Amino acid sequence: MQDSQQTPVLSAIGVGKDVADSTGTLSILSDVDLTVYAGETLAIVGASGSGKSTLLSILAGLDTPSHGQVMLAGTDMFALDEDGRAAWRALNLGFVFQNFQLLGHLSALENVMLPLELAGRKDARVAATAMLERVGLSERLRHYPKVMSGGEQQRVALARAFVMRPKLLVADEPTGSLDFATGEAVMNLMFELNQDQGTTLLMVTHDRAIAARCQQRIGLQAGKVVERS
């Protein structure tokens, strides 16, 4: 049970998304509510087309809702303009994607250093090296993504996301491109880092076994919450 005086890291109130097509207005999301506190883990599950990726994009401030409110670290994300949201994300969010989203012309070390350098951190190299060592890649610092396995690339992505010690880590199908054993190892590492740093974890996954490891689960169907646990 959370302290009623504690501010959620992330909350959504009545979030909806409508789009217009040739037949009229299509509801992608309908009145989604959720609350996540510091250090908690939440999984959003649902079939393809259920609206889970749209919801994730809105919660991260990458897409705008048609109605509703999203509060991240005490700030109304959509009271900010696009530049303001980008700046707030840089301070508070880390991202891990299914297809890794590493920059191919940068080494593993340079990929992890990048957000630190953008934030003006003078210890970028030291901090990035330490985080890559933490994820088991001390021997791969100077390797480029094209010569790394999928599991290694996702570990670089985890290092890049966690090195800024974000309040909220957003993961979109983080094991979707990996085989079972590699995916299991990556998820174990993600939960370990989450626990070590006390980061709040918000994950979209189709894998019920992975979702079961989270403290909260929300099931979406046709844009509506049909399950909470």
Protein backbone atom coordinates (compact mmCIF):
# COMPACT_ATOMS: atom_id res chain seq x y z
CA MET A 1 0.00 0.00 0.00
CA GLN A 2 1.43 3.37 -1.05
CA ASP A 3 1.57 6.39 1.24
CA SER A 4 -1.36 8.59 0.22
CA GLN A 5 0.98 11.60 0.42
CA GLN A 6 3.45 10.13 -2.07
CA THR A 7 3.37 11.60 -5.57
CA PRO A 8 3.14 8.96 -8.32
CA VAL A 9 6.01 8.81 -10.77
CA LEU A 10 3.42 8.37 -13.52
CA SER A 11 -0.34 8.72 -13.61
CA ALA A 12 -2.87 8.74 -16.42
CA ILE A 13 -6.43 9.97 -16.01
CA GLY A 14 -9.07 9.35 -18.66
CA VAL A 15 -6.57 9.04 -21.48
CA GLY A 16 -8.13 8.51 -24.89
CA LYS A 17 -7.02 8.65 -28.50
CA ASP A 18 -9.35 9.13 -31.47
CA VAL A 19 -8.42 9.25 -35.15
CA ALA A 20 -10.53 10.19 -38.13
CA ASP A 21 -10.81 7.97 -41.20
CA SER A 22 -13.12 7.68 -44.19
CA THR A 23 -15.82 6.02 -42.08
CA GLY A 24 -15.76 8.60 -39.29
CA THR A 25 -13.99 8.64 -35.93
CA LEU A 26 -12.14 5.59 -34.69
CA SER A 27 -11.37 5.21 -30.98
CA ILE A 28 -7.85 3.81 -30.49
CA LEU A 29 -7.87 4.26 -26.70
CA SER A 30 -10.80 4.90 -24.37
CA ASP A 31 -10.55 6.41 -20.85
CA VAL A 32 -7.44 4.64 -19.58
CA ASP A 33 -6.45 5.27 -15.96
CA LEU A 34 -3.30 4.06 -14.23
CA THR A 35 -0.96 5.04 -11.41
CA VAL A 36 2.62 3.91 -10.81
CA TYR A 37 4.77 4.85 -7.83
CA ALA A 38 8.54 4.97 -7.40
CA GLY A 39 10.20 1.59 -7.85
CA GLU A 40 7.06 -0.19 -9.03
CA THR A 41 6.78 -2.31 -12.17
CA LEU A 42 3.78 -2.31 -14.51
CA ALA A 43 3.14 -4.40 -17.63
CA ILE A 44 0.69 -3.45 -20.38
CA VAL A 45 -0.47 -6.56 -22.24
CA GLY A 46 -2.76 -7.13 -25.18
CA ALA A 47 -2.99 -8.53 -28.68
CA SER A 48 -1.71 -6.71 -31.72
CA GLY A 49 -3.99 -3.74 -32.39
CA SER A 50 -5.22 -3.51 -28.80
CA GLY A 51 -3.79 -0.02 -28.37
CA LYS A 52 -0.91 -0.86 -26.04
CA SER A 53 1.85 0.75 -28.14
CA THR A 54 -0.28 3.87 -28.62
CA LEU A 55 -0.82 4.04 -24.87
CA LEU A 56 2.90 3.65 -24.24
CA SER A 57 3.69 6.46 -26.68
CA ILE A 58 1.21 8.77 -24.97
CA LEU A 59 2.47 7.93 -21.49
CA ALA A 60 6.00 8.75 -22.65
CA GLY A 61 4.85 12.02 -24.20
CA LEU A 62 5.80 10.91 -27.71
CA ASP A 63 2.19 11.04 -28.93
CA THR A 64 -0.62 13.33 -27.81
CA PRO A 65 -3.96 12.11 -26.44
CA SER A 66 -7.31 13.33 -27.75
CA HIS A 67 -8.36 13.76 -24.14
CA GLY A 68 -7.13 12.98 -20.66
CA GLN A 69 -4.11 13.89 -18.56
CA VAL A 70 -0.66 12.33 -18.11
CA MET A 71 1.46 13.36 -15.12
CA LEU A 72 5.15 12.42 -15.14
CA ALA A 73 7.21 13.18 -12.03
CA GLY A 74 4.59 15.70 -10.93
CA THR A 75 4.37 17.56 -14.24
CA ASP A 76 1.44 17.59 -16.66
CA MET A 77 3.16 16.39 -19.84
CA PHE A 78 0.63 17.94 -22.19
CA ALA A 79 0.70 21.33 -20.52
CA LEU A 80 4.21 21.52 -22.02
CA ASP A 81 4.94 22.23 -25.67
CA GLU A 82 6.82 19.67 -27.77
CA ASP A 83 10.25 21.07 -26.85
CA GLY A 84 9.28 21.16 -23.19
CA ARG A 85 8.17 17.52 -23.30
CA ALA A 86 11.43 16.51 -24.98
CA ALA A 87 13.45 18.26 -22.28
CA TRP A 88 11.35 16.68 -19.50
CA ARG A 89 11.78 13.21 -21.07
CA ALA A 90 15.54 13.70 -21.22
CA LEU A 91 15.59 14.35 -17.47
CA ASN A 92 13.15 11.68 -16.35
CA LEU A 93 12.74 8.87 -18.92
CA GLY A 94 14.80 6.02 -20.28
CA PHE A 95 13.73 3.95 -23.29
CA VAL A 96 14.35 0.36 -24.37
CA PHE A 97 12.93 -0.76 -27.72
CA GLN A 98 12.41 -4.11 -29.44
CA ASN A 99 14.83 -3.18 -32.23
CA PHE A 100 17.45 -1.70 -29.86
CA GLN A 101 17.65 1.76 -31.55
CA LEU A 102 21.42 1.94 -31.25
CA LEU A 103 23.36 4.33 -33.48
CA GLY A 104 25.30 2.17 -35.90
CA HIS A 105 28.19 4.60 -36.40
CA LEU A 106 28.88 4.71 -32.65
CA SER A 107 30.60 2.05 -30.55
CA ALA A 108 28.88 0.49 -27.55
CA LEU A 109 30.69 2.92 -25.26
CA GLU A 110 29.81 5.92 -27.44
CA ASN A 111 26.13 4.89 -27.56
CA VAL A 112 25.97 4.81 -23.76
CA MET A 113 27.99 8.02 -23.39
CA LEU A 114 25.68 9.96 -25.71
CA PRO A 115 22.82 10.82 -23.29
CA LEU A 116 25.37 11.71 -20.62
CA GLU A 117 27.19 14.03 -22.99
CA LEU A 118 23.93 15.65 -24.08
CA ALA A 119 23.22 16.29 -20.40
CA GLY A 120 26.63 17.93 -20.01
CA ARG A 121 28.07 15.24 -17.75
CA LYS A 122 31.86 15.54 -17.54
CA ASP A 123 32.13 11.96 -16.25
CA ALA A 124 30.36 10.51 -19.31
CA ARG A 125 33.13 8.08 -20.26
CA VAL A 126 33.66 6.81 -16.72
CA ALA A 127 29.93 6.41 -16.02
CA ALA A 128 29.24 4.72 -19.38
CA THR A 129 32.16 2.32 -18.93
CA ALA A 130 30.96 1.35 -15.45
CA MET A 131 27.41 0.72 -16.70
CA LEU A 132 28.61 -1.44 -19.60
CA GLU A 133 30.69 -3.43 -17.13
CA ARG A 134 27.55 -3.81 -14.99
CA VAL A 135 25.68 -5.40 -17.92
CA GLY A 136 28.57 -7.74 -18.71
CA LEU A 137 30.05 -5.99 -21.74
CA SER A 138 33.43 -4.85 -20.45
CA GLU A 139 35.10 -6.66 -23.37
CA ARG A 140 32.84 -5.06 -25.99
CA LEU A 141 33.23 -1.35 -25.28
CA ARG A 142 34.70 -0.50 -28.66
CA HIS A 143 32.56 -2.84 -30.75
CA TYR A 144 29.93 -1.47 -33.11
CA PRO A 145 26.33 -2.74 -33.14
CA LYS A 146 26.75 -4.56 -36.47
CA VAL A 147 29.26 -6.99 -34.94
CA MET A 148 27.26 -7.60 -31.76
CA SER A 149 24.56 -10.20 -31.16
CA GLY A 150 20.96 -9.21 -30.50
CA GLY A 151 21.38 -9.93 -26.81
CA GLU A 152 24.52 -7.81 -26.63
CA GLN A 153 22.82 -4.94 -28.44
CA GLN A 154 19.89 -5.05 -26.03
CA ARG A 155 22.30 -4.99 -23.09
CA VAL A 156 23.91 -1.87 -24.59
CA ALA A 157 20.41 -0.40 -24.87
CA LEU A 158 19.75 -1.24 -21.21
CA ALA A 159 23.03 0.39 -20.20
CA ARG A 160 22.16 3.51 -22.19
CA ALA A 161 18.70 3.67 -20.59
CA PHE A 162 19.82 3.10 -17.00
CA VAL A 163 23.01 5.18 -17.05
CA MET A 164 20.99 8.37 -16.58
CA ARG A 165 19.21 6.85 -13.58
CA PRO A 166 15.77 7.82 -14.94
CA LYS A 167 12.71 8.04 -12.73
CA LEU A 168 10.80 5.96 -15.30
CA LEU A 169 12.05 3.32 -17.73
CA VAL A 170 9.75 2.60 -20.68
CA ALA A 171 10.29 -0.72 -22.47
CA ASP A 172 8.45 -1.67 -25.67
CA GLU A 173 8.57 -5.44 -26.28
CA PRO A 174 12.19 -5.56 -25.04
CA THR A 175 12.61 -9.28 -25.82
CA GLY A 176 10.58 -9.32 -29.05
CA SER A 177 13.66 -9.70 -31.28
CA LEU A 178 15.47 -12.22 -29.08
CA ASP A 179 15.37 -15.99 -28.70
CA PHE A 180 13.92 -17.37 -25.46
CA ALA A 181 17.19 -17.92 -23.56
CA THR A 182 18.64 -14.54 -24.54
CA GLY A 183 15.35 -12.82 -23.78
CA GLU A 184 15.23 -14.44 -20.36
CA ALA A 185 18.76 -13.22 -19.58
CA VAL A 186 17.93 -9.69 -20.74
CA MET A 187 14.77 -9.58 -18.63
CA ASN A 188 16.62 -10.83 -15.55
CA LEU A 189 19.14 -8.04 -16.07
CA MET A 190 16.43 -5.43 -16.57
CA PHE A 191 14.69 -6.37 -13.32
CA GLU A 192 18.03 -6.42 -11.47
CA LEU A 193 18.88 -2.91 -12.68
CA ASN A 194 15.36 -1.78 -11.87
CA GLN A 195 15.75 -3.03 -8.31
CA ASP A 196 19.30 -1.67 -7.92
CA GLN A 197 18.33 1.85 -8.98
CA GLY A 198 14.76 1.98 -7.70
CA THR A 199 13.61 3.00 -11.17
CA THR A 200 9.94 2.70 -12.03
CA LEU A 201 9.45 0.25 -14.92
CA LEU A 202 6.64 0.45 -17.48
CA MET A 203 6.64 -2.31 -20.06
CA VAL A 204 4.60 -3.35 -23.08
CA THR A 205 4.80 -7.08 -23.71
CA HIS A 206 2.81 -9.85 -25.35
CA ASP A 207 4.54 -12.38 -23.07
CA ARG A 208 2.32 -13.25 -20.11
CA ALA A 209 5.22 -14.86 -18.25
CA ILE A 210 7.18 -11.62 -18.37
CA ALA A 211 4.10 -9.61 -17.40
CA ALA A 212 3.59 -11.88 -14.39
CA ARG A 213 6.92 -10.70 -12.99
CA CYS A 214 5.59 -7.13 -12.72
CA GLN A 215 3.73 -5.87 -9.66
CA GLN A 216 0.86 -4.46 -11.75
CA ARG A 217 -0.67 -5.69 -15.02
CA ILE A 218 -3.13 -3.94 -17.28
CA GLY A 219 -4.78 -5.81 -20.15
CA LEU A 220 -6.03 -3.87 -23.15
CA GLN A 221 -8.58 -4.97 -25.73
CA ALA A 222 -9.82 -2.67 -28.49
CA GLY A 223 -8.36 0.30 -26.65
CA LYS A 224 -10.10 -0.41 -23.34
CA VAL A 225 -8.79 -1.73 -20.06
CA VAL A 226 -10.36 -5.17 -19.66
CA GLU A 227 -8.08 -6.58 -16.95
CA ARG A 228 -6.21 -5.30 -13.92
CA SER A 229 -4.14 -7.32 -11.50
